[in-house]
């Protein structure tokens, strides 16, 4: 009998172990979720904004331009698109958005719609094409490429067109040229809401974009979200840094949409180059913490000079900034061998959703709770008392924005004390001692930290909980 019972017991044990190891189903999406274009935009984190055109050759405190400027002055003799790309990479920018056409109406490409363009300039005897060279350099360099195409056009407003009586047809023809002749466009940037009263067929524009650039994200300036509701990004209401606790979930025409804000921030010039240097490192950091640090992807303006290059001291400045950003992310106390990460419970007890996922440096792995469990605690024991300067948190937003309330505690002399609280985490939330929303906070030396999710719209998914050690400012 004993010989028969033993194999049965072993078989039962194997079957039990197999059942315990059965994988747990992943969380269902909490709608809306970002589409691929919006997610690529989030992951870019910050993008270079390049204002370049006629106003570069008419430097002033007025960035507008009025369409009366002389194309004969446009002559960037040393223009080097690859230098722009290398400058962007030096600063950690994941892409470039350029003014293909600003408000003055001058076109930076070989357009058939107007002579008010590079065709009428002495640069390369009228044969040059800024958009062609920059798009090719971005694609070659493996970075994001976007175009700003102003809805406002002062040249058309003042001078009209021999070929187009209707501005809507003129504008659509320009967008179609840009959308079909320069390869992949990752972002469209539409500025100038309502174009001083001009009526445009935004539905027709949206259909053209869907046909020719189906994977582009669209900064729509309030014009396009009705017709491209699943890949627009929004104007935050002002230029510069934004408020914390950003909500990506916005109701549009009665439907909840993923519609995050994209700030645009001047780091140099008055948008266009006006012989002023790039802002100092401290100001770069402040803008970073009040944009990327609040979960959105900003356009940070670097103005190429009239020679067609990014200033050397600008490259030096953004390189210094990139070094600071790297230090901020690489000085993670939670990645030490002494560290122990724990949670009272996690999704089905499956290690694929364990708290260990928040310290593995991989955005695509995440801690999760069971369905309908909307609170959570993740504890990081540092193994010894450490000086802490801040935290970086990330939600796994691929499946939606979920967290509505959280707090961070530090353990000091065996007792837990709350040191920070907020509402939303989003793609990335950076909390740095003495800066931005933590301006009045000094974190204590601690041997353990704890993230508590106390409110969520669905089971929370946390991909990153980073503990920032001392970072030289």
Protein backbone atom coordinates (compact mmCIF):
# COMPACT_ATOMS: atom_id res chain seq x y z
CA UNK A 1 0.00 0.00 0.00
CA UNK A 2 2.82 2.36 0.95
CA UNK A 3 4.39 2.03 -2.50
CA UNK A 4 1.09 2.99 -4.12
CA UNK A 5 0.30 5.90 -1.80
CA UNK A 6 3.67 7.62 -2.19
CA UNK A 7 3.42 8.20 -6.01
CA UNK A 8 -0.15 9.45 -5.55
CA UNK A 9 0.99 11.95 -2.91
CA UNK A 10 3.82 13.11 -5.19
CA UNK A 11 1.39 13.51 -8.12
CA UNK A 12 -1.03 15.49 -5.97
CA UNK A 13 1.84 17.73 -4.82
CA UNK A 14 2.95 18.34 -8.41
CA UNK A 15 -0.59 19.17 -9.50
CA UNK A 16 -1.02 21.51 -6.52
CA UNK A 17 2.26 23.26 -7.27
CA UNK A 18 1.30 23.63 -10.94
CA UNK A 19 -2.02 25.14 -9.92
CA UNK A 20 -0.27 27.61 -7.61
CA UNK A 21 2.09 28.61 -10.39
CA UNK A 22 -0.68 29.19 -12.89
CA UNK A 23 -0.33 32.71 -14.29
CA UNK A 24 -2.81 35.36 -13.28
CA UNK A 25 -4.74 37.25 -15.94
CA UNK A 26 -3.42 40.77 -16.57
CA UNK A 27 -5.50 43.80 -15.57
CA UNK A 28 -8.14 44.96 -18.01
CA UNK A 29 -7.60 48.41 -19.57
CA UNK A 30 -9.23 51.27 -17.68
CA UNK A 31 -10.49 53.41 -20.54
CA UNK A 32 -9.47 55.62 -22.16
CA UNK A 33 -5.91 54.53 -22.85
CA UNK A 34 -3.24 56.30 -24.92
CA UNK A 35 -2.86 55.14 -28.49
CA UNK A 36 0.58 54.28 -29.89
CA UNK A 37 1.29 57.87 -31.03
CA UNK A 38 0.37 59.36 -27.66
CA UNK A 39 2.36 56.72 -25.82
CA UNK A 40 5.43 57.44 -27.97
CA UNK A 41 4.96 61.13 -27.10
CA UNK A 42 4.81 60.35 -23.37
CA UNK A 43 7.95 58.23 -23.55
CA UNK A 44 9.87 60.94 -25.45
CA UNK A 45 9.69 62.94 -22.16
CA UNK A 46 11.00 66.18 -23.69
CA UNK A 47 11.35 67.41 -27.26
CA UNK A 48 13.34 70.24 -28.83
CA UNK A 49 11.26 73.09 -30.26
CA UNK A 50 13.10 74.90 -33.08
CA UNK A 51 11.71 78.27 -34.17
CA UNK A 52 13.52 79.10 -37.39
CA UNK A 53 12.42 81.23 -40.33
CA UNK A 54 12.14 84.84 -41.46
CA UNK A 55 12.00 86.14 -37.87
CA UNK A 56 15.46 84.65 -37.31
CA UNK A 57 16.69 87.36 -39.70
CA UNK A 58 14.50 90.08 -38.15
CA UNK A 59 15.39 89.61 -34.45
CA UNK A 60 13.27 91.62 -32.02
CA UNK A 61 11.15 91.31 -28.90
CA UNK A 62 8.15 90.61 -31.15
CA UNK A 63 8.14 87.01 -32.34
CA UNK A 64 5.07 87.38 -34.50
CA UNK A 65 6.14 88.38 -38.02
CA UNK A 66 3.65 90.01 -40.38
CA UNK A 67 4.31 88.54 -43.82
CA UNK A 68 5.96 91.68 -45.18
CA UNK A 69 9.49 90.49 -44.45
CA UNK A 70 11.89 90.19 -47.39
CA UNK A 71 12.75 86.56 -48.30
CA UNK A 72 16.01 87.95 -49.69
CA UNK A 73 17.27 88.20 -46.12
CA UNK A 74 16.83 84.49 -45.46
CA UNK A 75 20.34 83.10 -45.91
CA UNK A 76 21.49 80.58 -43.27
CA UNK A 77 24.85 80.03 -44.95
CA UNK A 78 26.07 77.35 -42.51
CA UNK A 79 22.80 75.49 -42.01
CA UNK A 80 23.51 71.96 -40.84
CA UNK A 81 20.52 69.80 -39.92
CA UNK A 82 22.76 67.08 -38.54
CA UNK A 83 24.28 69.62 -36.13
CA UNK A 84 20.77 70.28 -34.83
CA UNK A 85 20.20 66.56 -34.32
CA UNK A 86 23.51 66.15 -32.52
CA UNK A 87 22.69 69.15 -30.32
CA UNK A 88 19.30 67.62 -29.50
CA UNK A 89 20.92 64.30 -28.59
CA UNK A 90 23.52 66.08 -26.43
CA UNK A 91 20.65 67.54 -24.40
CA UNK A 92 18.74 64.26 -24.17
CA UNK A 93 15.94 65.45 -26.45
CA UNK A 94 14.16 62.58 -28.19
CA UNK A 95 13.04 64.67 -31.15
CA UNK A 96 12.69 68.03 -32.88
CA UNK A 97 9.57 69.99 -33.85
CA UNK A 98 10.36 72.79 -36.33
CA UNK A 99 8.40 75.78 -37.56
CA UNK A 100 7.73 74.69 -41.13
CA UNK A 101 5.63 77.86 -41.31
CA UNK A 102 5.20 80.44 -38.56
CA UNK A 103 2.60 83.24 -38.34
CA UNK A 104 4.39 85.38 -40.95
CA UNK A 105 3.59 82.76 -43.61
CA UNK A 106 7.15 82.14 -44.87
CA UNK A 107 7.54 78.49 -45.90
CA UNK A 108 10.72 76.62 -45.00
CA UNK A 109 10.25 74.12 -47.83
CA UNK A 110 10.00 74.00 -51.62
CA UNK A 111 6.28 74.67 -51.77
CA UNK A 112 4.23 75.08 -54.92
CA UNK A 113 1.66 77.18 -53.08
CA UNK A 114 3.58 80.47 -52.78
CA UNK A 115 6.76 82.28 -53.67
CA UNK A 116 6.98 83.54 -50.08
CA UNK A 117 9.34 80.71 -49.21
CA UNK A 118 12.90 79.44 -49.42
CA UNK A 119 12.47 79.50 -53.21
CA UNK A 120 12.78 83.30 -53.13
CA UNK A 121 15.82 83.38 -50.88
CA UNK A 122 19.51 83.50 -51.86
CA UNK A 123 20.19 80.44 -49.71
CA UNK A 124 21.39 77.68 -52.01
CA UNK A 125 20.23 79.85 -54.92
CA UNK A 126 16.62 79.26 -53.98
CA UNK A 127 16.99 75.46 -54.16
CA UNK A 128 17.35 74.75 -50.45
CA UNK A 129 14.77 72.95 -48.32
CA UNK A 130 15.00 73.18 -44.52
CA UNK A 131 12.26 70.60 -43.95
CA UNK A 132 13.81 68.07 -46.31
CA UNK A 133 17.25 68.31 -44.70
CA UNK A 134 15.96 68.26 -41.13
CA UNK A 135 13.51 65.41 -41.68
CA UNK A 136 16.27 63.33 -43.25
CA UNK A 137 18.67 64.15 -40.41
CA UNK A 138 16.08 63.21 -37.76
CA UNK A 139 15.20 59.97 -39.49
CA UNK A 140 18.87 59.13 -39.95
CA UNK A 141 19.62 60.01 -36.33
CA UNK A 142 16.72 57.94 -35.02
CA UNK A 143 14.85 60.76 -33.36
CA UNK A 144 11.28 62.04 -33.48
CA UNK A 145 10.42 64.60 -36.20
CA UNK A 146 7.55 67.06 -36.02
CA UNK A 147 6.30 70.13 -37.86
CA UNK A 148 4.70 73.34 -36.64
CA UNK A 149 2.38 74.72 -39.33
CA UNK A 150 0.82 77.97 -38.17
CA UNK A 151 -2.87 78.33 -38.90
CA UNK A 152 -2.39 82.10 -38.87
CA UNK A 153 -0.72 83.33 -42.07
CA UNK A 154 -0.09 87.08 -42.21
CA UNK A 155 1.40 86.92 -45.70
CA UNK A 156 -1.78 85.41 -47.14
CA UNK A 157 -3.86 87.80 -45.08
CA UNK A 158 -1.94 90.82 -46.41
CA UNK A 159 -1.08 89.72 -49.94
CA UNK A 160 -3.45 86.90 -50.88
CA UNK A 161 -2.46 84.32 -53.49
CA UNK A 162 -2.50 84.16 -57.27
CA UNK A 163 -3.31 80.44 -57.10
CA UNK A 164 -5.75 80.18 -54.20
CA UNK A 165 -8.69 82.45 -53.48
CA UNK A 166 -9.62 80.46 -50.40
CA UNK A 167 -7.19 80.21 -47.50
CA UNK A 168 -8.59 76.82 -46.50
CA UNK A 169 -7.56 75.32 -49.85
CA UNK A 170 -4.17 77.04 -49.64
CA UNK A 171 -3.51 75.72 -46.13
CA UNK A 172 -4.64 72.18 -46.95
CA UNK A 173 -2.36 72.15 -50.01
CA UNK A 174 0.60 73.15 -47.83
CA UNK A 175 -0.17 70.49 -45.23
CA UNK A 176 -0.55 67.88 -47.96
CA UNK A 177 2.86 68.75 -49.41
CA UNK A 178 4.46 68.41 -45.97
CA UNK A 179 2.58 65.19 -45.24
CA UNK A 180 3.52 63.41 -48.46
CA UNK A 181 7.05 64.53 -49.35
CA UNK A 182 9.14 64.26 -46.18
CA UNK A 183 8.69 60.77 -44.81
CA UNK A 184 7.33 59.98 -41.38
CA UNK A 185 5.97 62.86 -39.32
CA UNK A 186 5.68 62.05 -35.62
CA UNK A 187 3.91 65.22 -34.54
CA UNK A 188 1.84 68.02 -36.04
CA UNK A 189 1.74 71.26 -34.08
CA UNK A 190 -1.15 73.59 -34.92
CA UNK A 191 -0.96 77.09 -33.48
CA UNK A 192 -3.24 80.06 -34.00
CA UNK A 193 -6.73 78.95 -33.01
CA UNK A 194 -9.42 80.12 -35.49
CA UNK A 195 -6.77 81.93 -37.60
CA UNK A 196 -8.09 85.42 -36.87
CA UNK A 197 -11.57 84.43 -37.98
CA UNK A 198 -10.65 82.35 -41.05
CA UNK A 199 -12.82 79.27 -41.41
CA UNK A 200 -10.90 76.06 -42.16
CA UNK A 201 -12.27 72.62 -42.91
CA UNK A 202 -10.64 70.84 -39.97
CA UNK A 203 -12.44 67.61 -40.81
CA UNK A 204 -10.82 67.55 -44.26
CA UNK A 205 -7.42 68.30 -42.68
CA UNK A 206 -7.93 65.46 -40.21
CA UNK A 207 -8.83 63.03 -43.01
CA UNK A 208 -5.69 64.00 -44.91
CA UNK A 209 -3.53 63.38 -41.83
CA UNK A 210 -5.20 60.03 -41.15
CA UNK A 211 -4.55 58.97 -44.74
CA UNK A 212 -0.92 60.12 -45.03
CA UNK A 213 0.47 60.09 -41.49
CA UNK A 214 -1.65 57.60 -39.53
CA UNK A 215 0.84 57.33 -36.67
CA UNK A 216 1.34 61.03 -35.89
CA UNK A 217 0.28 62.68 -32.65
CA UNK A 218 -1.50 66.02 -33.12
CA UNK A 219 -1.14 69.11 -30.92
CA UNK A 220 -4.46 70.50 -32.02
CA UNK A 221 -4.82 73.94 -30.39
CA UNK A 222 -8.47 73.05 -29.81
CA UNK A 223 -9.22 72.50 -33.49
CA UNK A 224 -8.74 68.84 -34.30
CA UNK A 225 -9.80 66.76 -31.31
CA UNK A 226 -13.36 66.48 -32.64
CA UNK A 227 -12.07 64.77 -35.79
CA UNK A 228 -8.95 63.02 -34.44
CA UNK A 229 -10.17 62.21 -30.93
CA UNK A 230 -7.78 59.32 -30.29
CA UNK A 231 -4.40 60.96 -30.82
CA UNK A 232 -4.56 64.64 -29.90
CA UNK A 233 -2.63 66.50 -27.24
CA UNK A 234 -3.81 69.79 -25.80
CA UNK A 235 -2.74 73.37 -25.11
CA UNK A 236 -2.39 73.69 -21.30
CA UNK A 237 -3.69 77.26 -21.28
CA UNK A 238 -0.38 79.12 -21.12
CA UNK A 239 3.27 78.76 -22.05
CA UNK A 240 5.75 77.64 -19.40
CA UNK A 241 5.54 75.11 -16.60
CA UNK A 242 2.22 73.60 -15.56
CA UNK A 243 0.44 72.46 -12.39
CA UNK A 244 0.98 69.06 -10.75
CA UNK A 245 -1.64 66.29 -10.65
CA UNK A 246 -2.26 66.32 -14.39
CA UNK A 247 -5.40 64.56 -15.59
CA UNK A 248 -5.08 62.88 -18.99
CA UNK A 249 -8.74 61.83 -18.98
CA UNK A 250 -10.85 64.59 -20.53
CA UNK A 251 -14.45 64.45 -21.69
CA UNK A 252 -14.77 65.48 -25.35
CA UNK A 253 -18.24 65.59 -26.91
CA UNK A 254 -19.58 63.36 -24.16
CA UNK A 255 -16.83 60.73 -24.51
CA UNK A 256 -13.88 60.33 -22.16
CA UNK A 257 -10.68 60.74 -24.18
CA UNK A 258 -6.93 60.52 -23.54
CA UNK A 259 -6.04 64.20 -24.04
CA UNK A 260 -2.87 65.22 -22.15
CA UNK A 261 -1.42 68.73 -22.24
CA UNK A 262 1.82 69.64 -24.02
CA UNK A 263 3.54 72.73 -22.58
CA UNK A 264 5.80 74.81 -24.79
CA UNK A 265 8.60 76.60 -22.95
CA UNK A 266 11.16 79.19 -24.07
CA UNK A 267 14.71 78.19 -23.24
CA UNK A 268 16.28 80.57 -25.74
CA UNK A 269 15.35 83.68 -27.69
CA UNK A 270 11.90 85.19 -28.00
CA UNK A 271 10.95 81.86 -29.56
CA UNK A 272 13.19 82.91 -32.49
CA UNK A 273 16.89 83.64 -31.98
CA UNK A 274 17.42 87.22 -30.83
CA UNK A 275 21.05 87.04 -29.73
CA UNK A 276 20.24 86.08 -26.14
CA UNK A 277 21.87 83.01 -24.55
CA UNK A 278 20.10 79.86 -23.47
CA UNK A 279 18.66 80.01 -19.93
CA UNK A 280 20.81 78.91 -16.98
CA UNK A 281 20.87 75.35 -15.67
CA UNK A 282 18.74 76.14 -12.60
CA UNK A 283 15.95 77.50 -14.82
CA UNK A 284 16.18 74.46 -17.10
CA UNK A 285 15.80 72.25 -14.04
CA UNK A 286 12.80 74.21 -12.76
CA UNK A 287 11.01 73.91 -16.09
CA UNK A 288 11.86 70.22 -16.24
CA UNK A 289 10.41 69.59 -12.80
CA UNK A 290 7.21 71.50 -13.63
CA UNK A 291 6.59 69.65 -16.89
CA UNK A 292 8.22 66.22 -17.17
CA UNK A 293 8.11 66.09 -13.38
CA UNK A 294 4.34 66.55 -13.55
CA UNK A 295 3.78 63.81 -16.11
CA UNK A 296 3.71 65.54 -19.50
CA UNK A 297 6.08 65.95 -22.45
CA UNK A 298 7.05 69.58 -23.14
CA UNK A 299 8.54 71.28 -26.17
CA UNK A 300 11.63 73.14 -24.96
CA UNK A 301 12.57 75.92 -27.34
CA UNK A 302 16.15 76.24 -28.59
CA UNK A 303 16.47 78.88 -31.30
CA UNK A 304 18.92 78.23 -34.15
CA UNK A 305 20.93 81.32 -35.13
CA UNK A 306 20.97 83.15 -38.45
CA UNK A 307 23.89 81.01 -39.64
CA UNK A 308 21.59 77.99 -39.35
CA UNK A 309 23.26 76.41 -36.33
CA UNK A 310 22.52 75.83 -32.65
CA UNK A 311 24.84 78.13 -30.69
CA UNK A 312 27.87 76.40 -29.21
CA UNK A 313 27.13 77.72 -25.71
CA UNK A 314 23.57 76.41 -26.09
CA UNK A 315 24.91 72.93 -26.81
CA UNK A 316 27.13 73.22 -23.73
CA UNK A 317 24.15 74.32 -21.62
CA UNK A 318 21.85 71.49 -22.66
CA UNK A 319 24.67 68.97 -22.28
CA UNK A 320 25.07 70.09 -18.66
CA UNK A 321 21.32 69.73 -18.23
CA UNK A 322 21.39 66.20 -19.67
CA UNK A 323 24.10 65.28 -17.15
CA UNK A 324 21.85 66.48 -14.30
CA UNK A 325 18.85 64.53 -15.62
CA UNK A 326 20.96 61.38 -15.86
CA UNK A 327 22.26 61.82 -12.32
CA UNK A 328 18.72 62.31 -11.06
CA UNK A 329 17.59 59.00 -12.55
CA UNK A 330 20.74 56.96 -11.97
CA UNK A 331 21.15 57.73 -8.27
CA UNK A 332 18.45 55.30 -7.14
CA UNK A 333 18.84 54.05 -3.59
CA UNK A 334 16.21 51.39 -4.26
CA UNK A 335 18.57 49.52 -6.61
CA UNK A 336 21.04 48.50 -3.87
CA UNK A 337 21.62 44.85 -2.95
CA UNK A 338 20.70 45.75 0.64
CA UNK A 339 17.21 46.79 -0.36
CA UNK A 340 14.13 44.69 0.33
CA UNK A 341 10.85 45.50 -1.39
CA UNK A 342 7.55 44.22 -0.07
CA UNK A 343 3.79 44.65 -0.20
CA UNK A 344 1.05 43.12 1.98
CA UNK A 345 -0.50 41.63 -1.16
CA UNK A 346 -0.29 41.79 -4.94
CA UNK A 347 -2.23 40.47 -7.91
CA UNK A 348 -3.02 36.80 -7.38
CA UNK A 349 0.30 36.33 -5.59
CA UNK A 350 1.87 36.16 -9.06
CA UNK A 351 5.45 37.43 -9.01
CA UNK A 352 4.86 39.02 -12.43
CA UNK A 353 2.93 41.69 -10.48
CA UNK A 354 5.01 41.71 -7.31
CA UNK A 355 6.41 44.87 -5.70
CA UNK A 356 9.86 43.89 -6.98
CA UNK A 357 8.74 45.16 -10.39
CA UNK A 358 8.87 48.80 -9.24
CA UNK A 359 12.65 48.71 -8.71
CA UNK A 360 13.77 46.71 -11.76
CA UNK A 361 14.32 49.77 -13.99
CA UNK A 362 11.86 48.48 -16.58
CA UNK A 363 8.80 50.62 -17.30
CA UNK A 364 6.97 47.69 -18.93
CA UNK A 365 6.87 45.61 -15.74
CA UNK A 366 4.63 46.78 -12.93
CA UNK A 367 3.15 46.08 -9.52
CA UNK A 368 -0.61 45.45 -9.58
CA UNK A 369 -3.37 44.62 -7.15
CA UNK A 370 -6.31 42.31 -7.68
CA UNK A 371 -9.36 43.57 -9.54
CA UNK A 372 -11.51 45.91 -7.45
CA UNK A 373 -8.68 46.49 -4.98
CA UNK A 374 -8.00 50.21 -5.28
CA UNK A 375 -5.58 50.75 -2.42
CA UNK A 376 -2.05 49.46 -2.02
CA UNK A 377 1.15 49.78 -0.04
CA UNK A 378 4.66 49.25 -1.38
CA UNK A 379 7.52 49.38 1.14
CA UNK A 380 11.21 49.73 0.37
CA UNK A 381 13.57 48.87 3.21
CA UNK A 382 16.88 50.59 2.38
CA UNK A 383 18.91 48.39 4.72
CA UNK A 384 20.45 51.38 6.49
CA UNK A 385 19.72 55.02 7.21
CA UNK A 386 20.16 57.09 4.04
CA UNK A 387 19.91 60.74 3.02
CA UNK A 388 16.97 60.99 0.62
CA UNK A 389 16.39 63.92 -1.74
CA UNK A 390 13.28 62.79 -3.52
CA UNK A 391 11.28 60.21 -5.41
CA UNK A 392 10.31 59.28 -8.97
CA UNK A 393 7.01 57.49 -9.48
CA UNK A 394 5.49 56.05 -12.65
CA UNK A 395 2.16 54.47 -13.44
CA UNK A 396 1.90 51.90 -16.22
CA UNK A 397 -0.34 54.18 -18.29
CA UNK A 398 -0.62 51.79 -21.25
CA UNK A 399 -3.68 50.43 -19.44
CA UNK A 400 -5.03 53.82 -18.36
CA UNK A 401 -4.59 56.47 -15.68
CA UNK A 402 -5.83 55.09 -12.37
CA UNK A 403 -4.32 56.70 -9.27
CA UNK A 404 -6.41 59.46 -7.67
CA UNK A 405 -4.58 59.82 -4.38
CA UNK A 406 -1.28 58.71 -2.85
CA UNK A 407 1.18 59.54 -0.09
CA UNK A 408 4.83 58.80 0.70
CA UNK A 409 6.06 57.98 4.17
CA UNK A 410 9.56 57.69 5.64
CA UNK A 411 10.50 55.55 8.61
CA UNK A 412 12.47 57.54 11.18
CA UNK A 413 13.61 55.93 14.44
CA UNK A 414 11.13 53.11 13.89
CA UNK A 415 8.12 55.37 13.31
CA UNK A 416 6.40 56.16 9.99
CA UNK A 417 5.86 59.79 9.07
CA UNK A 418 4.13 61.19 5.99
CA UNK A 419 6.44 63.43 3.95
CA UNK A 420 4.43 64.03 0.75
CA UNK A 421 0.99 63.50 -0.71
CA UNK A 422 -0.55 64.07 -4.13
CA UNK A 423 -3.44 63.11 -6.34
CA UNK A 424 -2.15 61.80 -9.67
CA UNK A 425 1.04 60.06 -10.74
CA UNK A 426 0.63 59.55 -14.49
CA UNK A 427 3.52 58.64 -16.77
CA UNK A 428 6.09 60.23 -14.47
CA UNK A 429 6.01 62.17 -11.21
CA UNK A 430 9.26 63.65 -9.87
CA UNK A 431 9.27 64.89 -6.28
CA UNK A 432 12.54 66.64 -5.43
CA UNK A 433 13.35 68.21 -2.08
CA UNK A 434 13.11 72.00 -2.09
CA UNK A 435 11.95 72.17 -5.72
CA UNK A 436 8.63 72.67 -7.54
CA UNK A 437 5.71 71.14 -5.58
CA UNK A 438 8.13 70.03 -2.85
CA UNK A 439 9.60 73.53 -2.48
CA UNK A 440 8.89 73.68 1.26
CA UNK A 441 9.85 70.09 2.06
CA UNK A 442 13.03 68.68 3.54
CA UNK A 443 13.05 64.89 3.61
CA UNK A 444 14.43 63.21 6.74
CA UNK A 445 17.21 60.65 6.81
CA UNK A 446 15.43 57.31 6.72
CA UNK A 447 15.97 53.57 6.59
CA UNK A 448 12.72 52.78 4.78
CA UNK A 449 10.14 54.47 2.56
CA UNK A 450 6.58 53.57 1.74
CA UNK A 451 4.24 54.44 -1.13
CA UNK A 452 0.58 54.26 -0.19
CA UNK A 453 -2.10 54.37 -2.87
CA UNK A 454 -5.20 55.43 -0.97
CA UNK A 455 -7.49 56.11 -3.92
CA UNK A 456 -7.68 54.76 -7.46
CA UNK A 457 -10.35 54.44 -10.15
CA UNK A 458 -9.24 50.87 -10.90
CA UNK A 459 -6.61 48.50 -9.54
CA UNK A 460 -3.40 50.60 -9.43
CA UNK A 461 -0.47 49.70 -11.68
CA UNK A 462 2.88 51.11 -10.50
CA UNK A 463 5.92 50.58 -12.71
CA UNK A 464 8.50 52.72 -10.89
CA UNK A 465 9.17 53.74 -7.30
CA UNK A 466 12.60 55.31 -7.27
CA UNK A 467 14.28 56.76 -4.19
CA UNK A 468 16.62 59.59 -5.16
CA UNK A 469 19.85 59.87 -3.22
CA UNK A 470 21.89 63.06 -2.89
CA UNK A 471 22.15 64.82 -6.28
CA UNK A 472 24.49 67.74 -6.86
CA UNK A 473 22.48 70.69 -8.15
